[in-house]
PDB file of N, CA and C in Angstrom:
ATOM      1  N   UNK A   1      -5.321   0.884 -24.948  1.00  0.00           N
ATOM      2  CA  UNK A   1      -4.165   0.798 -24.075  1.00  0.00           C
ATOM      3  C   UNK A   1      -4.586   0.976 -22.615  1.00  0.00           C
ATOM      4  N   UNK A   2      -5.448   1.953 -22.345  1.00  0.00           N
ATOM      5  CA  UNK A   2      -5.910   2.176 -20.974  1.00  0.00           C
ATOM      6  C   UNK A   2      -6.642   0.945 -20.449  1.00  0.00           C
ATOM      7  N   UNK A   3      -7.419   0.291 -21.317  1.00  0.00           N
ATOM      8  CA  UNK A   3      -8.133  -0.919 -20.897  1.00  0.00           C
ATOM      9  C   UNK A   3      -7.145  -2.010 -20.513  1.00  0.00           C
ATOM     10  N   UNK A   4      -6.041  -2.118 -21.246  1.00  0.00           N
ATOM     11  CA  UNK A   4      -5.015  -3.108 -20.910  1.00  0.00           C
ATOM     12  C   UNK A   4      -4.400  -2.809 -19.552  1.00  0.00           C
ATOM     13  N   UNK A   5      -4.143  -1.529 -19.284  1.00  0.00           N
ATOM     14  CA  UNK A   5      -3.569  -1.138 -17.990  1.00  0.00           C
ATOM     15  C   UNK A   5      -4.548  -1.443 -16.865  1.00  0.00           C
ATOM     16  N   UNK A   6      -5.809  -1.137 -17.072  1.00  0.00           N
ATOM     17  CA  UNK A   6      -6.819  -1.405 -16.042  1.00  0.00           C
ATOM     18  C   UNK A   6      -7.001  -2.907 -15.825  1.00  0.00           C
ATOM     19  N   UNK A   7      -6.987  -3.679 -16.901  1.00  0.00           N
ATOM     20  CA  UNK A   7      -7.107  -5.136 -16.779  1.00  0.00           C
ATOM     21  C   UNK A   7      -5.902  -5.703 -16.025  1.00  0.00           C
ATOM     22  N   UNK A   8      -4.724  -5.217 -16.366  1.00  0.00           N
ATOM     23  CA  UNK A   8      -3.514  -5.659 -15.673  1.00  0.00           C
ATOM     24  C   UNK A   8      -3.552  -5.294 -14.197  1.00  0.00           C
ATOM     25  N   UNK A   9      -4.050  -4.106 -13.908  1.00  0.00           N
ATOM     26  CA  UNK A   9      -4.130  -3.686 -12.511  1.00  0.00           C
ATOM     27  C   UNK A   9      -5.139  -4.528 -11.747  1.00  0.00           C
ATOM     28  N   UNK A  10      -6.242  -4.881 -12.382  1.00  0.00           N
ATOM     29  CA  UNK A  10      -7.216  -5.771 -11.725  1.00  0.00           C
ATOM     30  C   UNK A  10      -6.588  -7.128 -11.408  1.00  0.00           C
ATOM     31  N   UNK A  11      -5.786  -7.637 -12.325  1.00  0.00           N
ATOM     32  CA  UNK A  11      -5.090  -8.906 -12.085  1.00  0.00           C
ATOM     33  C   UNK A  11      -4.092  -8.768 -10.937  1.00  0.00           C
ATOM     34  N   UNK A  12      -3.389  -7.651 -10.913  1.00  0.00           N
ATOM     35  CA  UNK A  12      -2.454  -7.373  -9.826  1.00  0.00           C
ATOM     36  C   UNK A  12      -3.186  -7.344  -8.490  1.00  0.00           C
ATOM     37  N   UNK A  13      -4.305  -6.645  -8.453  1.00  0.00           N
ATOM     38  CA  UNK A  13      -5.115  -6.565  -7.228  1.00  0.00           C
ATOM     39  C   UNK A  13      -5.578  -7.956  -6.800  1.00  0.00           C
ATOM     40  N   UNK A  14      -6.022  -8.751  -7.754  1.00  0.00           N
ATOM     41  CA  UNK A  14      -6.504 -10.095  -7.424  1.00  0.00           C
ATOM     42  C   UNK A  14      -5.389 -10.929  -6.799  1.00  0.00           C
ATOM     43  N   UNK A  15      -4.174 -10.742  -7.275  1.00  0.00           N
ATOM     44  CA  UNK A  15      -3.046 -11.525  -6.765  1.00  0.00           C
ATOM     45  C   UNK A  15      -2.503 -11.023  -5.435  1.00  0.00           C
ATOM     46  N   UNK A  16      -2.501  -9.710  -5.245  1.00  0.00           N
ATOM     47  CA  UNK A  16      -1.799  -9.127  -4.107  1.00  0.00           C
ATOM     48  C   UNK A  16      -2.680  -8.475  -3.054  1.00  0.00           C
ATOM     49  N   UNK A  17      -3.960  -8.330  -3.307  1.00  0.00           N
ATOM     50  CA  UNK A  17      -4.821  -7.595  -2.371  1.00  0.00           C
ATOM     51  C   UNK A  17      -4.775  -8.190  -0.962  1.00  0.00           C
ATOM     52  N   UNK A  18      -4.991  -9.466  -0.850  1.00  0.00           N
ATOM     53  CA  UNK A  18      -5.022 -10.098   0.470  1.00  0.00           C
ATOM     54  C   UNK A  18      -3.645 -10.118   1.146  1.00  0.00           C
ATOM     55  N   UNK A  19      -2.582 -10.540   0.454  1.00  0.00           N
ATOM     56  CA  UNK A  19      -1.268 -10.521   1.118  1.00  0.00           C
ATOM     57  C   UNK A  19      -0.830  -9.117   1.553  1.00  0.00           C
ATOM     58  N   UNK A  20      -1.118  -8.105   0.734  1.00  0.00           N
ATOM     59  CA  UNK A  20      -0.764  -6.735   1.101  1.00  0.00           C
ATOM     60  C   UNK A  20      -1.577  -6.289   2.307  1.00  0.00           C
ATOM     61  N   UNK A  21      -2.867  -6.592   2.312  1.00  0.00           N
ATOM     62  CA  UNK A  21      -3.718  -6.236   3.454  1.00  0.00           C
ATOM     63  C   UNK A  21      -3.151  -6.834   4.739  1.00  0.00           C
ATOM     64  N   UNK A  22      -2.836  -8.135   4.729  1.00  0.00           N
ATOM     65  CA  UNK A  22      -2.362  -8.786   5.958  1.00  0.00           C
ATOM     66  C   UNK A  22      -0.974  -8.289   6.365  1.00  0.00           C
ATOM     67  N   UNK A  23      -0.150  -7.950   5.400  1.00  0.00           N
ATOM     68  CA  UNK A  23       1.158  -7.371   5.717  1.00  0.00           C
ATOM     69  C   UNK A  23       0.964  -6.040   6.463  1.00  0.00           C
ATOM     70  N   UNK A  24       0.111  -5.199   5.924  1.00  0.00           N
ATOM     71  CA  UNK A  24      -0.164  -3.908   6.562  1.00  0.00           C
ATOM     72  C   UNK A  24      -0.872  -4.109   7.897  1.00  0.00           C
ATOM     73  N   UNK A  25      -1.776  -5.037   7.953  1.00  0.00           N
ATOM     74  CA  UNK A  25      -2.549  -5.278   9.189  1.00  0.00           C
ATOM     75  C   UNK A  25      -1.626  -5.637  10.343  1.00  0.00           C
ATOM     76  N   UNK A  26      -0.579  -6.401  10.064  1.00  0.00           N
ATOM     77  CA  UNK A  26       0.373  -6.747  11.125  1.00  0.00           C
ATOM     78  C   UNK A  26       1.085  -5.502  11.656  1.00  0.00           C
ATOM     79  N   UNK A  27       1.211  -4.496  10.820  1.00  0.00           N
ATOM     80  CA  UNK A  27       1.904  -3.281  11.232  1.00  0.00           C
ATOM     81  C   UNK A  27       0.995  -2.283  11.935  1.00  0.00           C
ATOM     82  N   UNK A  28      -0.250  -2.146  11.453  1.00  0.00           N
ATOM     83  CA  UNK A  28      -1.128  -1.105  11.998  1.00  0.00           C
ATOM     84  C   UNK A  28      -2.186  -1.646  12.955  1.00  0.00           C
ATOM     85  N   UNK A  29      -2.391  -2.942  12.978  1.00  0.00           N
ATOM     86  CA  UNK A  29      -3.303  -3.662  13.862  1.00  0.00           C
ATOM     87  C   UNK A  29      -4.779  -3.489  13.494  1.00  0.00           C
ATOM     88  N   UNK A  30      -5.249  -2.278  13.341  1.00  0.00           N
ATOM     89  CA  UNK A  30      -6.663  -2.012  13.085  1.00  0.00           C
ATOM     90  C   UNK A  30      -7.084  -2.438  11.675  1.00  0.00           C
ATOM     91  N   UNK A  31      -8.217  -3.123  11.592  1.00  0.00           N
ATOM     92  CA  UNK A  31      -8.761  -3.559  10.306  1.00  0.00           C
ATOM     93  C   UNK A  31      -9.041  -2.363   9.399  1.00  0.00           C
ATOM     94  N   UNK A  32      -9.720  -1.348   9.935  1.00  0.00           N
ATOM     95  CA  UNK A  32     -10.073  -0.175   9.123  1.00  0.00           C
ATOM     96  C   UNK A  32      -8.821   0.553   8.636  1.00  0.00           C
ATOM     97  N   UNK A  33      -7.831   0.695   9.503  1.00  0.00           N
ATOM     98  CA  UNK A  33      -6.585   1.351   9.112  1.00  0.00           C
ATOM     99  C   UNK A  33      -5.852   0.537   8.048  1.00  0.00           C
ATOM    100  N   UNK A  34      -5.854  -0.786   8.205  1.00  0.00           N
ATOM    101  CA  UNK A  34      -5.194  -1.647   7.227  1.00  0.00           C
ATOM    102  C   UNK A  34      -5.878  -1.544   5.869  1.00  0.00           C
ATOM    103  N   UNK A  35      -7.203  -1.495   5.864  1.00  0.00           N
ATOM    104  CA  UNK A  35      -7.927  -1.340   4.600  1.00  0.00           C
ATOM    105  C   UNK A  35      -7.574  -0.012   3.939  1.00  0.00           C
ATOM    106  N   UNK A  36      -7.568   1.058   4.717  1.00  0.00           N
ATOM    107  CA  UNK A  36      -7.237   2.381   4.170  1.00  0.00           C
ATOM    108  C   UNK A  36      -5.815   2.408   3.616  1.00  0.00           C
ATOM    109  N   UNK A  37      -4.875   1.884   4.378  1.00  0.00           N
ATOM    110  CA  UNK A  37      -3.478   1.899   3.946  1.00  0.00           C
ATOM    111  C   UNK A  37      -3.276   1.011   2.720  1.00  0.00           C
ATOM    112  N   UNK A  38      -3.936  -0.134   2.664  1.00  0.00           N
ATOM    113  CA  UNK A  38      -3.816  -1.016   1.506  1.00  0.00           C
ATOM    114  C   UNK A  38      -4.382  -0.338   0.261  1.00  0.00           C
ATOM    115  N   UNK A  39      -5.518   0.317   0.406  1.00  0.00           N
ATOM    116  CA  UNK A  39      -6.112   1.017  -0.728  1.00  0.00           C
ATOM    117  C   UNK A  39      -5.167   2.113  -1.234  1.00  0.00           C
ATOM    118  N   UNK A  40      -4.614   2.883  -0.323  1.00  0.00           N
ATOM    119  CA  UNK A  40      -3.684   3.938  -0.716  1.00  0.00           C
ATOM    120  C   UNK A  40      -2.416   3.347  -1.334  1.00  0.00           C
ATOM    121  N   UNK A  41      -1.962   2.203  -0.826  1.00  0.00           N
ATOM    122  CA  UNK A  41      -0.782   1.549  -1.402  1.00  0.00           C
ATOM    123  C   UNK A  41      -1.039   1.173  -2.856  1.00  0.00           C
ATOM    124  N   UNK A  42      -2.212   0.632  -3.150  1.00  0.00           N
ATOM    125  CA  UNK A  42      -2.512   0.250  -4.527  1.00  0.00           C
ATOM    126  C   UNK A  42      -2.679   1.465  -5.435  1.00  0.00           C
ATOM    127  N   UNK A  43      -3.164   2.559  -4.903  1.00  0.00           N
ATOM    128  CA  UNK A  43      -3.226   3.799  -5.681  1.00  0.00           C
ATOM    129  C   UNK A  43      -1.804   4.232  -6.040  1.00  0.00           C
ATOM    130  N   UNK A  44      -0.904   4.167  -5.064  1.00  0.00           N
ATOM    131  CA  UNK A  44       0.493   4.555  -5.308  1.00  0.00           C
ATOM    132  C   UNK A  44       1.169   3.599  -6.291  1.00  0.00           C
ATOM    133  N   UNK A  45       0.873   2.317  -6.184  1.00  0.00           N
ATOM    134  CA  UNK A  45       1.428   1.338  -7.122  1.00  0.00           C
ATOM    135  C   UNK A  45       0.978   1.675  -8.538  1.00  0.00           C
ATOM    136  N   UNK A  46      -0.315   1.948  -8.698  1.00  0.00           N
ATOM    137  CA  UNK A  46      -0.855   2.258 -10.016  1.00  0.00           C
ATOM    138  C   UNK A  46      -0.225   3.535 -10.583  1.00  0.00           C
ATOM    139  N   UNK A  47      -0.128   4.568  -9.755  1.00  0.00           N
ATOM    140  CA  UNK A  47       0.414   5.853 -10.220  1.00  0.00           C
ATOM    141  C   UNK A  47       1.904   5.789 -10.544  1.00  0.00           C
ATOM    142  N   UNK A  48       2.625   4.905  -9.854  1.00  0.00           N
ATOM    143  CA  UNK A  48       4.084   4.856 -10.001  1.00  0.00           C
ATOM    144  C   UNK A  48       4.588   3.639 -10.760  1.00  0.00           C
ATOM    145  N   UNK A  49       3.706   2.956 -11.446  1.00  0.00           N
ATOM    146  CA  UNK A  49       4.087   1.715 -12.116  1.00  0.00           C
ATOM    147  C   UNK A  49       5.229   1.928 -13.113  1.00  0.00           C
ATOM    148  N   UNK A  50       5.256   3.067 -13.798  1.00  0.00           N
ATOM    149  CA  UNK A  50       6.324   3.332 -14.771  1.00  0.00           C
ATOM    150  C   UNK A  50       7.691   3.468 -14.094  1.00  0.00           C
ATOM    151  N   UNK A  51       7.709   3.730 -12.799  1.00  0.00           N
ATOM    152  CA  UNK A  51       8.967   3.889 -12.084  1.00  0.00           C
ATOM    153  C   UNK A  51       9.542   2.564 -11.581  1.00  0.00           C
ATOM    154  N   UNK A  52       8.772   1.476 -11.723  1.00  0.00           N
ATOM    155  CA  UNK A  52       9.267   0.172 -11.276  1.00  0.00           C
ATOM    156  C   UNK A  52      10.489  -0.219 -12.100  1.00  0.00           C
ATOM    157  N   UNK A  53      11.524  -0.634 -11.425  1.00  0.00           N
ATOM    158  CA  UNK A  53      12.764  -1.080 -12.058  1.00  0.00           C
ATOM    159  C   UNK A  53      12.733  -2.599 -12.166  1.00  0.00           C
ATOM    160  N   UNK A  54      12.691  -3.103 -13.372  1.00  0.00           N
ATOM    161  CA  UNK A  54      12.565  -4.546 -13.592  1.00  0.00           C
ATOM    162  C   UNK A  54      13.760  -5.346 -13.088  1.00  0.00           C
ATOM    163  N   UNK A  55      14.840  -4.679 -12.756  1.00  0.00           N
ATOM    164  CA  UNK A  55      16.004  -5.375 -12.200  1.00  0.00           C
ATOM    165  C   UNK A  55      15.726  -5.843 -10.771  1.00  0.00           C
ATOM    166  N   UNK A  56      14.695  -5.273 -10.142  1.00  0.00           N
ATOM    167  CA  UNK A  56      14.333  -5.622  -8.772  1.00  0.00           C
ATOM    168  C   UNK A  56      13.098  -6.520  -8.751  1.00  0.00           C
ATOM    169  N   UNK A  57      12.874  -7.134  -7.627  1.00  0.00           N
ATOM    170  CA  UNK A  57      11.713  -8.003  -7.442  1.00  0.00           C
ATOM    171  C   UNK A  57      10.424  -7.181  -7.425  1.00  0.00           C
ATOM    172  N   UNK A  58       9.466  -7.579  -8.245  1.00  0.00           N
ATOM    173  CA  UNK A  58       8.181  -6.883  -8.292  1.00  0.00           C
ATOM    174  C   UNK A  58       7.451  -7.009  -6.965  1.00  0.00           C
ATOM    175  N   UNK A  59       7.479  -8.207  -6.403  1.00  0.00           N
ATOM    176  CA  UNK A  59       6.812  -8.436  -5.117  1.00  0.00           C
ATOM    177  C   UNK A  59       7.440  -7.561  -4.025  1.00  0.00           C
ATOM    178  N   UNK A  60       8.748  -7.490  -3.998  1.00  0.00           N
ATOM    179  CA  UNK A  60       9.425  -6.661  -2.997  1.00  0.00           C
ATOM    180  C   UNK A  60       9.062  -5.189  -3.182  1.00  0.00           C
ATOM    181  N   UNK A  61       8.945  -4.738  -4.435  1.00  0.00           N
ATOM    182  CA  UNK A  61       8.572  -3.361  -4.723  1.00  0.00           C
ATOM    183  C   UNK A  61       7.178  -3.054  -4.179  1.00  0.00           C
ATOM    184  N   UNK A  62       6.246  -3.974  -4.417  1.00  0.00           N
ATOM    185  CA  UNK A  62       4.868  -3.803  -3.932  1.00  0.00           C
ATOM    186  C   UNK A  62       4.844  -3.757  -2.404  1.00  0.00           C
ATOM    187  N   UNK A  63       5.548  -4.682  -1.767  1.00  0.00           N
ATOM    188  CA  UNK A  63       5.525  -4.725  -0.311  1.00  0.00           C
ATOM    189  C   UNK A  63       6.277  -3.546   0.317  1.00  0.00           C
ATOM    190  N   UNK A  64       7.259  -2.988  -0.373  1.00  0.00           N
ATOM    191  CA  UNK A  64       7.939  -1.789   0.126  1.00  0.00           C
ATOM    192  C   UNK A  64       6.954  -0.622   0.118  1.00  0.00           C
ATOM    193  N   UNK A  65       6.181  -0.489  -0.948  1.00  0.00           N
ATOM    194  CA  UNK A  65       5.169   0.571  -1.019  1.00  0.00           C
ATOM    195  C   UNK A  65       4.141   0.364   0.086  1.00  0.00           C
ATOM    196  N   UNK A  66       3.705  -0.876   0.296  1.00  0.00           N
ATOM    197  CA  UNK A  66       2.725  -1.173   1.350  1.00  0.00           C
ATOM    198  C   UNK A  66       3.293  -0.841   2.729  1.00  0.00           C
ATOM    199  N   UNK A  67       4.536  -1.200   2.967  1.00  0.00           N
ATOM    200  CA  UNK A  67       5.171  -0.897   4.244  1.00  0.00           C
ATOM    201  C   UNK A  67       5.264   0.613   4.450  1.00  0.00           C
ATOM    202  N   UNK A  68       5.675   1.322   3.412  1.00  0.00           N
ATOM    203  CA  UNK A  68       5.773   2.779   3.523  1.00  0.00           C
ATOM    204  C   UNK A  68       4.417   3.404   3.820  1.00  0.00           C
ATOM    205  N   UNK A  69       3.383   2.876   3.216  1.00  0.00           N
ATOM    206  CA  UNK A  69       2.045   3.426   3.458  1.00  0.00           C
ATOM    207  C   UNK A  69       1.604   3.153   4.896  1.00  0.00           C
ATOM    208  N   UNK A  70       1.903   1.967   5.414  1.00  0.00           N
ATOM    209  CA  UNK A  70       1.574   1.656   6.808  1.00  0.00           C
ATOM    210  C   UNK A  70       2.334   2.584   7.752  1.00  0.00           C
ATOM    211  N   UNK A  71       3.613   2.812   7.479  1.00  0.00           N
ATOM    212  CA  UNK A  71       4.412   3.703   8.314  1.00  0.00           C
ATOM    213  C   UNK A  71       3.910   5.142   8.224  1.00  0.00           C
ATOM    214  N   UNK A  72       3.485   5.550   7.042  1.00  0.00           N
ATOM    215  CA  UNK A  72       2.924   6.893   6.865  1.00  0.00           C
ATOM    216  C   UNK A  72       1.669   7.049   7.722  1.00  0.00           C
ATOM    217  N   UNK A  73       0.820   6.044   7.706  1.00  0.00           N
ATOM    218  CA  UNK A  73      -0.407   6.068   8.507  1.00  0.00           C
ATOM    219  C   UNK A  73      -0.068   6.125   9.997  1.00  0.00           C
ATOM    220  N   UNK A  74       0.864   5.309  10.433  1.00  0.00           N
ATOM    221  CA  UNK A  74       1.258   5.312  11.842  1.00  0.00           C
ATOM    222  C   UNK A  74       1.846   6.662  12.241  1.00  0.00           C
ATOM    223  N   UNK A  75       2.607   7.279  11.354  1.00  0.00           N
ATOM    224  CA  UNK A  75       3.171   8.595  11.634  1.00  0.00           C
ATOM    225  C   UNK A  75       2.096   9.660  11.785  1.00  0.00           C
ATOM    226  N   UNK A  76       1.072   9.606  10.927  1.00  0.00           N
ATOM    227  CA  UNK A  76      -0.033  10.560  11.041  1.00  0.00           C
ATOM    228  C   UNK A  76      -0.780  10.354  12.349  1.00  0.00           C
ATOM    229  N   UNK A  77      -1.002   9.086  12.708  1.00  0.00           N
ATOM    230  CA  UNK A  77      -1.703   8.799  13.964  1.00  0.00           C
ATOM    231  C   UNK A  77      -0.891   9.286  15.154  1.00  0.00           C
ATOM    232  N   UNK A  78       0.405   9.088  15.115  1.00  0.00           N
ATOM    233  CA  UNK A  78       1.263   9.532  16.213  1.00  0.00           C
ATOM    234  C   UNK A  78       1.239  11.049  16.326  1.00  0.00           C
ATOM    235  N   UNK A  79       1.263  11.716  15.181  1.00  0.00           N
ATOM    236  CA  UNK A  79       1.203  13.177  15.177  1.00  0.00           C
ATOM    237  C   UNK A  79      -0.091  13.682  15.793  1.00  0.00           C
ATOM    238  N   UNK A  80      -1.200  13.023  15.485  1.00  0.00           N
ATOM    239  CA  UNK A  80      -2.487  13.411  16.080  1.00  0.00           C
ATOM    240  C   UNK A  80      -2.498  13.132  17.571  1.00  0.00           C
ATOM    241  N   UNK A  81      -1.947  11.997  17.969  1.00  0.00           N
ATOM    242  CA  UNK A  81      -1.890  11.624  19.378  1.00  0.00           C
ATOM    243  C   UNK A  81      -1.029  12.629  20.152  1.00  0.00           C
ATOM    244  N   UNK A  82       0.121  12.979  19.591  1.00  0.00           N
ATOM    245  CA  UNK A  82       1.026  13.942  20.242  1.00  0.00           C
ATOM    246  C   UNK A  82       0.339  15.306  20.376  1.00  0.00           C
ATOM    247  N   UNK A  83      -0.399  15.706  19.364  1.00  0.00           N
ATOM    248  CA  UNK A  83      -1.094  17.006  19.410  1.00  0.00           C
ATOM    249  C   UNK A  83      -2.186  17.002  20.472  1.00  0.00           C
ATOM    250  N   UNK A  84      -2.866  15.877  20.650  1.00  0.00           N
ATOM    251  CA  UNK A  84      -3.911  15.784  21.669  1.00  0.00           C
ATOM    252  C   UNK A  84      -3.326  15.773  23.076  1.00  0.00           C
ATOM    253  N   UNK A  85      -2.108  15.239  23.209  1.00  0.00           N
ATOM    254  CA  UNK A  85      -1.481  15.125  24.527  1.00  0.00           C
ATOM    255  C   UNK A  85      -0.968  16.478  25.039  1.00  0.00           C
ATOM    256  N   UNK A  86      -0.855  17.433  24.159  1.00  0.00           N
ATOM    257  CA  UNK A  86      -0.318  18.753  24.570  1.00  0.00           C
ATOM    258  C   UNK A  86      -1.340  19.568  25.279  1.00  0.00           C
TER     259      UNK A  86
END
């Protein structure tokens, strides 16, 4: 069963890795930040897959997680910037 989940996740990554990266990249600008946020988004997708509601669009669910991760990253960066400005 675990092998099936891992195989399915690899297929998911193959389909969505690039579109999710570019979606996040438009929000955070930096390549390194986009890579980090995309990686964390896929970790969250994997951990929360059982919470996906099939009544909703799977693609929209994935991109909502990616958007939230980009916003989380931007919030952390802003917090660090604000702390340095004090």
